[in-house]
PDB file of all heavy atoms in Angstrom:
ATOM      1  N   LEU A   1       0.846  -1.182   0.000  1.00  0.00           N
ATOM      2  CA  LEU A   1       0.000   0.000   0.000  1.00  0.00           C
ATOM      3  C   LEU A   1       0.883   1.233   0.000  1.00  0.00           C
ATOM      4  O   LEU A   1       1.753   1.381   0.861  1.00  0.00           O
ATOM      5  CB  LEU A   1      -0.909   0.004   1.230  1.00  0.00           C
ATOM      6  CG  LEU A   1      -1.782   1.246   1.421  1.00  0.00           C
ATOM      7  CD1 LEU A   1      -2.832   1.347   0.325  1.00  0.00           C
ATOM      8  CD2 LEU A   1      -2.456   1.218   2.796  1.00  0.00           C
ATOM      9  N   VAL A   2       0.665   2.115  -0.955  1.00  0.00           N
ATOM     10  CA  VAL A   2       1.448   3.340  -1.019  1.00  0.00           C
ATOM     11  C   VAL A   2       0.660   4.555  -0.564  1.00  0.00           C
ATOM     12  O   VAL A   2       1.245   5.521  -0.062  1.00  0.00           O
ATOM     13  CB  VAL A   2       2.026   3.581  -2.423  1.00  0.00           C
ATOM     14  CG1 VAL A   2       2.987   2.458  -2.796  1.00  0.00           C
ATOM     15  CG2 VAL A   2       0.927   3.697  -3.473  1.00  0.00           C
ATOM     16  N   ALA A   3      -0.642   4.536  -0.747  1.00  0.00           N
ATOM     17  CA  ALA A   3      -1.473   5.665  -0.346  1.00  0.00           C
ATOM     18  C   ALA A   3      -2.900   5.199  -0.148  1.00  0.00           C
ATOM     19  O   ALA A   3      -3.402   4.374  -0.907  1.00  0.00           O
ATOM     20  CB  ALA A   3      -1.434   6.787  -1.381  1.00  0.00           C
ATOM     21  N   GLY A   4      -3.541   5.732   0.859  1.00  0.00           N
ATOM     22  CA  GLY A   4      -4.920   5.372   1.124  1.00  0.00           C
ATOM     23  C   GLY A   4      -5.714   6.549   1.639  1.00  0.00           C
ATOM     24  O   GLY A   4      -5.154   7.501   2.189  1.00  0.00           O
ATOM     25  N   ILE A   5      -7.014   6.470   1.445  1.00  0.00           N
ATOM     26  CA  ILE A   5      -7.911   7.503   1.941  1.00  0.00           C
ATOM     27  C   ILE A   5      -9.167   6.825   2.458  1.00  0.00           C
ATOM     28  O   ILE A   5      -9.738   5.951   1.809  1.00  0.00           O
ATOM     29  CB  ILE A   5      -8.226   8.551   0.846  1.00  0.00           C
ATOM     30  CG1 ILE A   5      -9.091   9.680   1.408  1.00  0.00           C
ATOM     31  CG2 ILE A   5      -8.875   7.911  -0.374  1.00  0.00           C
ATOM     32  CD1 ILE A   5      -9.190  10.881   0.471  1.00  0.00           C
ATOM     33  N   THR A   6      -9.598   7.215   3.640  1.00  0.00           N
ATOM     34  CA  THR A   6     -10.786   6.635   4.245  1.00  0.00           C
ATOM     35  C   THR A   6     -12.030   7.354   3.753  1.00  0.00           C
ATOM     36  O   THR A   6     -11.960   8.387   3.095  1.00  0.00           O
ATOM     37  CB  THR A   6     -10.727   6.719   5.770  1.00  0.00           C
ATOM     38  OG1 THR A   6     -10.840   8.091   6.179  1.00  0.00           O
ATOM     39  CG2 THR A   6      -9.417   6.147   6.301  1.00  0.00           C
ATOM     40  N   SER A   7     -13.171   6.791   4.096  1.00  0.00           N
ATOM     41  CA  SER A   7     -14.428   7.419   3.717  1.00  0.00           C
ATOM     42  C   SER A   7     -14.570   8.809   4.318  1.00  0.00           C
ATOM     43  O   SER A   7     -15.257   9.659   3.756  1.00  0.00           O
ATOM     44  CB  SER A   7     -15.606   6.546   4.150  1.00  0.00           C
ATOM     45  OG  SER A   7     -15.621   6.353   5.550  1.00  0.00           O
ATOM     46  N   GLY A   8     -13.909   9.037   5.436  1.00  0.00           N
ATOM     47  CA  GLY A   8     -13.946  10.337   6.081  1.00  0.00           C
ATOM     48  C   GLY A   8     -12.932  11.327   5.553  1.00  0.00           C
ATOM     49  O   GLY A   8     -12.925  12.484   5.975  1.00  0.00           O
ATOM     50  N   GLY A   9     -12.072  10.883   4.651  1.00  0.00           N
ATOM     51  CA  GLY A   9     -11.111  11.777   4.039  1.00  0.00           C
ATOM     52  C   GLY A   9      -9.713  11.737   4.625  1.00  0.00           C
ATOM     53  O   GLY A   9      -8.831  12.461   4.152  1.00  0.00           O
ATOM     54  N   SER A  10      -9.499  10.923   5.636  1.00  0.00           N
ATOM     55  CA  SER A  10      -8.163  10.799   6.207  1.00  0.00           C
ATOM     56  C   SER A  10      -7.252  10.055   5.250  1.00  0.00           C
ATOM     57  O   SER A  10      -7.656   9.064   4.641  1.00  0.00           O
ATOM     58  CB  SER A  10      -8.212  10.069   7.544  1.00  0.00           C
ATOM     59  OG  SER A  10      -8.981  10.791   8.489  1.00  0.00           O
ATOM     60  N   THR A  11      -6.032  10.524   5.131  1.00  0.00           N
ATOM     61  CA  THR A  11      -5.076   9.918   4.207  1.00  0.00           C
ATOM     62  C   THR A  11      -3.900   9.327   4.945  1.00  0.00           C
ATOM     63  O   THR A  11      -3.564   9.736   6.060  1.00  0.00           O
ATOM     64  CB  THR A  11      -4.569  10.940   3.183  1.00  0.00           C
ATOM     65  OG1 THR A  11      -3.959  12.046   3.871  1.00  0.00           O
ATOM     66  CG2 THR A  11      -5.711  11.459   2.328  1.00  0.00           C
ATOM     67  N   ASN A  12      -3.279   8.369   4.294  1.00  0.00           N
ATOM     68  CA  ASN A  12      -2.103   7.724   4.841  1.00  0.00           C
ATOM     69  C   ASN A  12      -1.188   7.342   3.693  1.00  0.00           C
ATOM     70  O   ASN A  12      -1.656   6.946   2.623  1.00  0.00           O
ATOM     71  CB  ASN A  12      -2.490   6.489   5.658  1.00  0.00           C
ATOM     72  CG  ASN A  12      -1.302   5.890   6.380  1.00  0.00           C
ATOM     73  OD1 ASN A  12      -0.671   6.549   7.192  1.00  0.00           O
ATOM     74  ND2 ASN A  12      -1.005   4.631   6.087  1.00  0.00           N
ATOM     75  N   TYR A  13       0.112   7.449   3.936  1.00  0.00           N
ATOM     76  CA  TYR A  13       1.082   7.171   2.899  1.00  0.00           C
ATOM     77  C   TYR A  13       2.205   6.307   3.423  1.00  0.00           C
ATOM     78  O   TYR A  13       2.584   6.385   4.598  1.00  0.00           O
ATOM     79  CB  TYR A  13       1.693   8.467   2.355  1.00  0.00           C
ATOM     80  CG  TYR A  13       0.689   9.407   1.748  1.00  0.00           C
ATOM     81  CD1 TYR A  13       0.082  10.397   2.510  1.00  0.00           C
ATOM     82  CD2 TYR A  13       0.344   9.299   0.403  1.00  0.00           C
ATOM     83  CE1 TYR A  13      -0.844  11.257   1.954  1.00  0.00           C
ATOM     84  CE2 TYR A  13      -0.585  10.157  -0.160  1.00  0.00           C
ATOM     85  CZ  TYR A  13      -1.172  11.140   0.617  1.00  0.00           C
ATOM     86  OH  TYR A  13      -2.093  11.993   0.061  1.00  0.00           O
ATOM     87  N   ALA A  14       2.723   5.490   2.542  1.00  0.00           N
ATOM     88  CA  ALA A  14       3.934   4.765   2.879  1.00  0.00           C
ATOM     89  C   ALA A  14       5.068   5.757   3.087  1.00  0.00           C
ATOM     90  O   ALA A  14       5.117   6.807   2.442  1.00  0.00           O
ATOM     91  CB  ALA A  14       4.287   3.779   1.769  1.00  0.00           C
ATOM     92  N   ASP A  15       5.966   5.420   3.986  1.00  0.00           N
ATOM     93  CA  ASP A  15       7.074   6.323   4.281  1.00  0.00           C
ATOM     94  C   ASP A  15       7.875   6.679   3.030  1.00  0.00           C
ATOM     95  O   ASP A  15       8.377   7.798   2.901  1.00  0.00           O
ATOM     96  CB  ASP A  15       8.000   5.701   5.323  1.00  0.00           C
ATOM     97  CG  ASP A  15       7.389   5.661   6.702  1.00  0.00           C
ATOM     98  OD1 ASP A  15       6.428   6.412   6.961  1.00  0.00           O
ATOM     99  OD2 ASP A  15       7.875   4.876   7.541  1.00  0.00           O
ATOM    100  N   SER A  16       7.981   5.742   2.132  1.00  0.00           N
ATOM    101  CA  SER A  16       8.791   5.943   0.945  1.00  0.00           C
ATOM    102  C   SER A  16       8.228   6.982  -0.016  1.00  0.00           C
ATOM    103  O   SER A  16       8.952   7.482  -0.877  1.00  0.00           O
ATOM    104  CB  SER A  16       8.980   4.615   0.204  1.00  0.00           C
ATOM    105  OG  SER A  16       7.728   4.077  -0.189  1.00  0.00           O
ATOM    106  N   VAL A  17       6.947   7.321   0.126  1.00  0.00           N
ATOM    107  CA  VAL A  17       6.328   8.261  -0.804  1.00  0.00           C
ATOM    108  C   VAL A  17       5.812   9.520  -0.128  1.00  0.00           C
ATOM    109  O   VAL A  17       5.316  10.420  -0.815  1.00  0.00           O
ATOM    110  CB  VAL A  17       5.175   7.605  -1.599  1.00  0.00           C
ATOM    111  CG1 VAL A  17       5.658   6.328  -2.282  1.00  0.00           C
ATOM    112  CG2 VAL A  17       3.979   7.320  -0.703  1.00  0.00           C
ATOM    113  N   LYS A  18       5.931   9.605   1.174  1.00  0.00           N
ATOM    114  CA  LYS A  18       5.447  10.778   1.890  1.00  0.00           C
ATOM    115  C   LYS A  18       6.117  12.044   1.375  1.00  0.00           C
ATOM    116  O   LYS A  18       7.323  12.095   1.185  1.00  0.00           O
ATOM    117  CB  LYS A  18       5.704  10.628   3.388  1.00  0.00           C
ATOM    118  CG  LYS A  18       4.752   9.683   4.083  1.00  0.00           C
ATOM    119  CD  LYS A  18       5.037   9.604   5.582  1.00  0.00           C
ATOM    120  CE  LYS A  18       4.059   8.676   6.273  1.00  0.00           C
ATOM    121  NZ  LYS A  18       4.346   8.535   7.719  1.00  0.00           N
ATOM    122  N   GLY A  19       5.303  13.043   1.159  1.00  0.00           N
ATOM    123  CA  GLY A  19       5.801  14.306   0.648  1.00  0.00           C
ATOM    124  C   GLY A  19       5.905  14.366  -0.851  1.00  0.00           C
ATOM    125  O   GLY A  19       6.136  15.448  -1.412  1.00  0.00           O
ATOM    126  N   ARG A  20       5.748  13.227  -1.517  1.00  0.00           N
ATOM    127  CA  ARG A  20       5.859  13.183  -2.970  1.00  0.00           C
ATOM    128  C   ARG A  20       4.556  12.787  -3.654  1.00  0.00           C
ATOM    129  O   ARG A  20       4.262  13.264  -4.743  1.00  0.00           O
ATOM    130  CB  ARG A  20       6.960  12.211  -3.390  1.00  0.00           C
ATOM    131  CG  ARG A  20       8.338  12.559  -2.841  1.00  0.00           C
ATOM    132  CD  ARG A  20       9.422  11.664  -3.437  1.00  0.00           C
ATOM    133  NE  ARG A  20       9.229  10.264  -3.079  1.00  0.00           N
ATOM    134  CZ  ARG A  20       9.015   9.286  -3.951  1.00  0.00           C
ATOM    135  NH1 ARG A  20       8.960   9.551  -5.250  1.00  0.00           N
ATOM    136  NH2 ARG A  20       8.862   8.041  -3.538  1.00  0.00           N
ATOM    137  N   PHE A  21       3.797  11.902  -3.022  1.00  0.00           N
ATOM    138  CA  PHE A  21       2.552  11.404  -3.601  1.00  0.00           C
ATOM    139  C   PHE A  21       1.362  11.997  -2.864  1.00  0.00           C
ATOM    140  O   PHE A  21       1.418  12.242  -1.649  1.00  0.00           O
ATOM    141  CB  PHE A  21       2.470   9.880  -3.501  1.00  0.00           C
ATOM    142  CG  PHE A  21       3.417   9.131  -4.389  1.00  0.00           C
ATOM    143  CD1 PHE A  21       4.454   9.767  -5.049  1.00  0.00           C
ATOM    144  CD2 PHE A  21       3.259   7.763  -4.560  1.00  0.00           C
ATOM    145  CE1 PHE A  21       5.330   9.061  -5.860  1.00  0.00           C
ATOM    146  CE2 PHE A  21       4.118   7.046  -5.370  1.00  0.00           C
ATOM    147  CZ  PHE A  21       5.160   7.690  -6.022  1.00  0.00           C
ATOM    148  N   THR A  22       0.282  12.192  -3.588  1.00  0.00           N
ATOM    149  CA  THR A  22      -0.954  12.682  -2.999  1.00  0.00           C
ATOM    150  C   THR A  22      -2.131  11.895  -3.558  1.00  0.00           C
ATOM    151  O   THR A  22      -2.298  11.804  -4.773  1.00  0.00           O
ATOM    152  CB  THR A  22      -1.170  14.177  -3.276  1.00  0.00           C
ATOM    153  OG1 THR A  22      -0.060  14.930  -2.794  1.00  0.00           O
ATOM    154  CG2 THR A  22      -2.441  14.660  -2.578  1.00  0.00           C
ATOM    155  N   ILE A  23      -2.922  11.330  -2.672  1.00  0.00           N
ATOM    156  CA  ILE A  23      -4.130  10.639  -3.087  1.00  0.00           C
ATOM    157  C   ILE A  23      -5.316  11.582  -2.923  1.00  0.00           C
ATOM    158  O   ILE A  23      -5.398  12.345  -1.957  1.00  0.00           O
ATOM    159  CB  ILE A  23      -4.345   9.334  -2.288  1.00  0.00           C
ATOM    160  CG1 ILE A  23      -5.526   8.542  -2.857  1.00  0.00           C
ATOM    161  CG2 ILE A  23      -4.528   9.614  -0.803  1.00  0.00           C
ATOM    162  CD1 ILE A  23      -5.660   7.136  -2.266  1.00  0.00           C
ATOM    163  N   SER A  24      -6.216  11.532  -3.869  1.00  0.00           N
ATOM    164  CA  SER A  24      -7.400  12.368  -3.812  1.00  0.00           C
ATOM    165  C   SER A  24      -8.543  11.653  -4.510  1.00  0.00           C
ATOM    166  O   SER A  24      -8.338  10.646  -5.193  1.00  0.00           O
ATOM    167  CB  SER A  24      -7.159  13.742  -4.436  1.00  0.00           C
ATOM    168  OG  SER A  24      -6.833  13.632  -5.806  1.00  0.00           O
ATOM    169  N   ARG A  25      -9.725  12.187  -4.351  1.00  0.00           N
ATOM    170  CA  ARG A  25     -10.895  11.569  -4.965  1.00  0.00           C
ATOM    171  C   ARG A  25     -11.854  12.625  -5.453  1.00  0.00           C
ATOM    172  O   ARG A  25     -11.875  13.756  -4.968  1.00  0.00           O
ATOM    173  CB  ARG A  25     -11.598  10.647  -3.965  1.00  0.00           C
ATOM    174  CG  ARG A  25     -12.179  11.383  -2.761  1.00  0.00           C
ATOM    175  CD  ARG A  25     -12.661  10.444  -1.697  1.00  0.00           C
ATOM    176  NE  ARG A  25     -13.189  11.162  -0.544  1.00  0.00           N
ATOM    177  CZ  ARG A  25     -13.396  10.632   0.644  1.00  0.00           C
ATOM    178  NH1 ARG A  25     -13.106   9.352   0.853  1.00  0.00           N
ATOM    179  NH2 ARG A  25     -13.886  11.371   1.630  1.00  0.00           N
ATOM    180  N   ASP A  26     -12.645  12.245  -6.420  1.00  0.00           N
ATOM    181  CA  ASP A  26     -13.720  13.078  -6.935  1.00  0.00           C
ATOM    182  C   ASP A  26     -14.951  12.188  -6.952  1.00  0.00           C
ATOM    183  O   ASP A  26     -15.155  11.411  -7.884  1.00  0.00           O
ATOM    184  CB  ASP A  26     -13.393  13.607  -8.324  1.00  0.00           C
ATOM    185  CG  ASP A  26     -14.415  14.616  -8.818  1.00  0.00           C
ATOM    186  OD1 ASP A  26     -15.564  14.594  -8.355  1.00  0.00           O
ATOM    187  OD2 ASP A  26     -14.058  15.435  -9.683  1.00  0.00           O
ATOM    188  N   ASN A  27     -15.746  12.303  -5.926  1.00  0.00           N
ATOM    189  CA  ASN A  27     -16.901  11.427  -5.791  1.00  0.00           C
ATOM    190  C   ASN A  27     -17.897  11.587  -6.940  1.00  0.00           C
ATOM    191  O   ASN A  27     -18.520  10.615  -7.367  1.00  0.00           O
ATOM    192  CB  ASN A  27     -17.604  11.685  -4.460  1.00  0.00           C
ATOM    193  CG  ASN A  27     -16.783  11.266  -3.271  1.00  0.00           C
ATOM    194  OD1 ASN A  27     -15.918  10.390  -3.373  1.00  0.00           O
ATOM    195  ND2 ASN A  27     -17.047  11.872  -2.127  1.00  0.00           N
ATOM    196  N   ALA A  28     -18.038  12.804  -7.423  1.00  0.00           N
ATOM    197  CA  ALA A  28     -18.974  13.052  -8.511  1.00  0.00           C
ATOM    198  C   ALA A  28     -18.570  12.325  -9.783  1.00  0.00           C
ATOM    199  O   ALA A  28     -19.420  11.982 -10.610  1.00  0.00           O
ATOM    200  CB  ALA A  28     -19.098  14.548  -8.782  1.00  0.00           C
ATOM    201  N   LYS A  29     -17.294  12.089  -9.955  1.00  0.00           N
ATOM    202  CA  LYS A  29     -16.787  11.408 -11.137  1.00  0.00           C
ATOM    203  C   LYS A  29     -16.418   9.956 -10.869  1.00  0.00           C
ATOM    204  O   LYS A  29     -15.882   9.288 -11.748  1.00  0.00           O
ATOM    205  CB  LYS A  29     -15.567  12.143 -11.688  1.00  0.00           C
ATOM    206  CG  LYS A  29     -15.858  13.545 -12.180  1.00  0.00           C
ATOM    207  CD  LYS A  29     -14.606  14.216 -12.738  1.00  0.00           C
ATOM    208  CE  LYS A  29     -14.917  15.595 -13.264  1.00  0.00           C
ATOM    209  NZ  LYS A  29     -13.699  16.263 -13.805  1.00  0.00           N
ATOM    210  N   ASN A  30     -16.700   9.490  -9.675  1.00  0.00           N
ATOM    211  CA  ASN A  30     -16.380   8.113  -9.290  1.00  0.00           C
ATOM    212  C   ASN A  30     -14.914   7.795  -9.552  1.00  0.00           C
ATOM    213  O   ASN A  30     -14.574   6.724 -10.063  1.00  0.00           O
ATOM    214  CB  ASN A  30     -17.271   7.114 -10.037  1.00  0.00           C
ATOM    215  CG  ASN A  30     -18.739   7.304  -9.747  1.00  0.00           C
ATOM    216  OD1 ASN A  30     -19.125   7.621  -8.624  1.00  0.00           O
ATOM    217  ND2 ASN A  30     -19.565   7.099 -10.761  1.00  0.00           N
ATOM    218  N   THR A  31     -14.065   8.721  -9.183  1.00  0.00           N
ATOM    219  CA  THR A  31     -12.652   8.625  -9.541  1.00  0.00           C
ATOM    220  C   THR A  31     -11.756   8.874  -8.341  1.00  0.00           C
ATOM    221  O   THR A  31     -12.027   9.750  -7.517  1.00  0.00           O
ATOM    222  CB  THR A  31     -12.304   9.632 -10.644  1.00  0.00           C
ATOM    223  OG1 THR A  31     -13.154   9.414 -11.778  1.00  0.00           O
ATOM    224  CG2 THR A  31     -10.854   9.482 -11.074  1.00  0.00           C
ATOM    225  N   VAL A  32     -10.698   8.103  -8.272  1.00  0.00           N
ATOM    226  CA  VAL A  32      -9.645   8.330  -7.297  1.00  0.00           C
ATOM    227  C   VAL A  32      -8.344   8.554  -8.054  1.00  0.00           C
ATOM    228  O   VAL A  32      -8.091   7.914  -9.084  1.00  0.00           O
ATOM    229  CB  VAL A  32      -9.531   7.157  -6.295  1.00  0.00           C
ATOM    230  CG1 VAL A  32      -9.200   5.854  -7.009  1.00  0.00           C
ATOM    231  CG2 VAL A  32      -8.508   7.476  -5.223  1.00  0.00           C
ATOM    232  N   TYR A  33      -7.539   9.470  -7.559  1.00  0.00           N
ATOM    233  CA  TYR A  33      -6.314   9.855  -8.228  1.00  0.00           C
ATOM    234  C   TYR A  33      -5.102   9.602  -7.343  1.00  0.00           C
ATOM    235  O   TYR A  33      -5.189   9.571  -6.121  1.00  0.00           O
ATOM    236  CB  TYR A  33      -6.322  11.343  -8.573  1.00  0.00           C
ATOM    237  CG  TYR A  33      -7.483  11.798  -9.415  1.00  0.00           C
ATOM    238  CD1 TYR A  33      -8.614  12.352  -8.819  1.00  0.00           C
ATOM    239  CD2 TYR A  33      -7.456  11.686 -10.799  1.00  0.00           C
ATOM    240  CE1 TYR A  33      -9.688  12.784  -9.586  1.00  0.00           C
ATOM    241  CE2 TYR A  33      -8.520  12.109 -11.567  1.00  0.00           C
ATOM    242  CZ  TYR A  33      -9.636  12.663 -10.959  1.00  0.00           C
ATOM    243  OH  TYR A  33     -10.696  13.089 -11.718  1.00  0.00           O
ATOM    244  N   LEU A  34      -3.984   9.453  -7.989  1.00  0.00           N
ATOM    245  CA  LEU A  34      -2.713   9.440  -7.296  1.00  0.00           C
ATOM    246  C   LEU A  34      -1.758  10.361  -8.047  1.00  0.00           C
ATOM    247  O   LEU A  34      -1.310  10.029  -9.146  1.00  0.00           O
ATOM    248  CB  LEU A  34      -2.121   8.029  -7.210  1.00  0.00           C
ATOM    249  CG  LEU A  34      -0.818   7.928  -6.411  1.00  0.00           C
ATOM    250  CD1 LEU A  34      -1.070   8.227  -4.935  1.00  0.00           C
ATOM    251  CD2 LEU A  34      -0.189   6.550  -6.566  1.00  0.00           C
ATOM    252  N   GLN A  35      -1.490  11.510  -7.457  1.00  0.00           N
ATOM    253  CA  GLN A  35      -0.522  12.434  -8.016  1.00  0.00           C
ATOM    254  C   GLN A  35       0.852  12.051  -7.513  1.00  0.00           C
ATOM    255  O   GLN A  35       1.081  12.002  -6.306  1.00  0.00           O
ATOM    256  CB  GLN A  35      -0.853  13.873  -7.616  1.00  0.00           C
ATOM    257  CG  GLN A  35       0.129  14.910  -8.137  1.00  0.00           C
ATOM    258  CD  GLN A  35       0.091  15.048  -9.642  1.00  0.00           C
ATOM    259  OE1 GLN A  35      -0.977  15.130 -10.232  1.00  0.00           O
ATOM    260  NE2 GLN A  35       1.261  15.058 -10.275  1.00  0.00           N
ATOM    261  N   MET A  36       1.753  11.783  -8.427  1.00  0.00           N
ATOM    262  CA  MET A  36       3.089  11.333  -8.084  1.00  0.00           C
ATOM    263  C   MET A  36       4.101  12.352  -8.590  1.00  0.00           C
ATOM    264  O   MET A  36       4.230  12.570  -9.800  1.00  0.00           O
ATOM    265  CB  MET A  36       3.377   9.955  -8.683  1.00  0.00           C
ATOM    266  CG  MET A  36       2.353   8.895  -8.295  1.00  0.00           C
ATOM    267  SD  MET A  36       2.787   7.253  -8.921  1.00  0.00           S
ATOM    268  CE  MET A  36       2.636   7.550 -10.686  1.00  0.00           C
ATOM    269  N   ASN A  37       4.799  12.978  -7.671  1.00  0.00           N
ATOM    270  CA  ASN A  37       5.814  13.962  -7.996  1.00  0.00           C
ATOM    271  C   ASN A  37       7.181  13.477  -7.543  1.00  0.00           C
ATOM    272  O   ASN A  37       7.299  12.564  -6.725  1.00  0.00           O
ATOM    273  CB  ASN A  37       5.503  15.305  -7.332  1.00  0.00           C
ATOM    274  CG  ASN A  37       4.196  15.903  -7.778  1.00  0.00           C
ATOM    275  OD1 ASN A  37       3.813  15.796  -8.939  1.00  0.00           O
ATOM    276  ND2 ASN A  37       3.499  16.564  -6.848  1.00  0.00           N
ATOM    277  N   SER A  38       8.207  14.108  -8.077  1.00  0.00           N
ATOM    278  CA  SER A  38       9.583  13.768  -7.718  1.00  0.00           C
ATOM    279  C   SER A  38       9.823  12.268  -7.791  1.00  0.00           C
ATOM    280  O   SER A  38      10.380  11.654  -6.876  1.00  0.00           O
ATOM    281  CB  SER A  38       9.909  14.298  -6.320  1.00  0.00           C
ATOM    282  OG  SER A  38       9.724  15.698  -6.243  1.00  0.00           O
ATOM    283  N   LEU A  39       9.408  11.687  -8.874  1.00  0.00           N
ATOM    284  CA  LEU A  39       9.486  10.241  -9.021  1.00  0.00           C
ATOM    285  C   LEU A  39      10.928   9.749  -9.021  1.00  0.00           C
ATOM    286  O   LEU A  39      11.829  10.420  -9.530  1.00  0.00           O
ATOM    287  CB  LEU A  39       8.776   9.801 -10.292  1.00  0.00           C
ATOM    288  CG  LEU A  39       7.250   9.780 -10.193  1.00  0.00           C
ATOM    289  CD1 LEU A  39       6.621   9.765 -11.568  1.00  0.00           C
ATOM    290  CD2 LEU A  39       6.795   8.569  -9.389  1.00  0.00           C
ATOM    291  N   LYS A  40      11.098   8.583  -8.448  1.00  0.00           N
ATOM    292  CA  LYS A  40      12.393   7.944  -8.343  1.00  0.00           C
ATOM    293  C   LYS A  40      12.352   6.586  -9.030  1.00  0.00           C
ATOM    294  O   LYS A  40      11.280   5.990  -9.161  1.00  0.00           O
ATOM    295  CB  LYS A  40      12.777   7.748  -6.872  1.00  0.00           C
ATOM    296  CG  LYS A  40      12.764   9.007  -6.032  1.00  0.00           C
ATOM    297  CD  LYS A  40      13.027   8.672  -4.570  1.00  0.00           C
ATOM    298  CE  LYS A  40      13.004   9.916  -3.712  1.00  0.00           C
ATOM    299  NZ  LYS A  40      13.239   9.588  -2.276  1.00  0.00           N
ATOM    300  N   PRO A  41      13.496   6.072  -9.444  1.00  0.00           N
ATOM    301  CA  PRO A  41      13.507   4.727 -10.033  1.00  0.00           C
ATOM    302  C   PRO A  41      12.894   3.677  -9.115  1.00  0.00           C
ATOM    303  O   PRO A  41      12.299   2.711  -9.606  1.00  0.00           O
ATOM    304  CB  PRO A  41      14.999   4.466 -10.265  1.00  0.00           C
ATOM    305  CG  PRO A  41      15.578   5.819 -10.477  1.00  0.00           C
ATOM    306  CD  PRO A  41      14.814   6.716  -9.540  1.00  0.00           C
ATOM    307  N   GLU A  42      13.013   3.863  -7.821  1.00  0.00           N
ATOM    308  CA  GLU A  42      12.439   2.933  -6.864  1.00  0.00           C
ATOM    309  C   GLU A  42      10.914   2.894  -6.911  1.00  0.00           C
ATOM    310  O   GLU A  42      10.300   1.979  -6.363  1.00  0.00           O
ATOM    311  CB  GLU A  42      12.884   3.275  -5.434  1.00  0.00           C
ATOM    312  CG  GLU A  42      14.392   3.313  -5.249  1.00  0.00           C
ATOM    313  CD  GLU A  42      14.952   4.708  -5.428  1.00  0.00           C
ATOM    314  OE1 GLU A  42      15.184   5.103  -6.599  1.00  0.00           O
ATOM    315  OE2 GLU A  42      15.165   5.400  -4.411  1.00  0.00           O
ATOM    316  N   ASP A  43      10.309   3.883  -7.535  1.00  0.00           N
ATOM    317  CA  ASP A  43       8.859   3.914  -7.671  1.00  0.00           C
ATOM    318  C   ASP A  43       8.360   3.045  -8.819  1.00  0.00           C
ATOM    319  O   ASP A  43       7.149   2.889  -8.986  1.00  0.00           O
ATOM    320  CB  ASP A  43       8.374   5.348  -7.885  1.00  0.00           C
ATOM    321  CG  ASP A  43       8.677   6.253  -6.701  1.00  0.00           C
ATOM    322  OD1 ASP A  43       8.497   5.807  -5.550  1.00  0.00           O
ATOM    323  OD2 ASP A  43       9.085   7.409  -6.938  1.00  0.00           O
TER     324      ASP A  43
END
């Protein structure tokens, strides 16, 4: 697990991606996103 979001909106990230990845959702579009910045080969 690299990123998660609860029904209440709380987020959690693996230590390896903290500060670089962001999980978000758009309920109206039935979509969840993962924004990944500062990508590394380890990703």
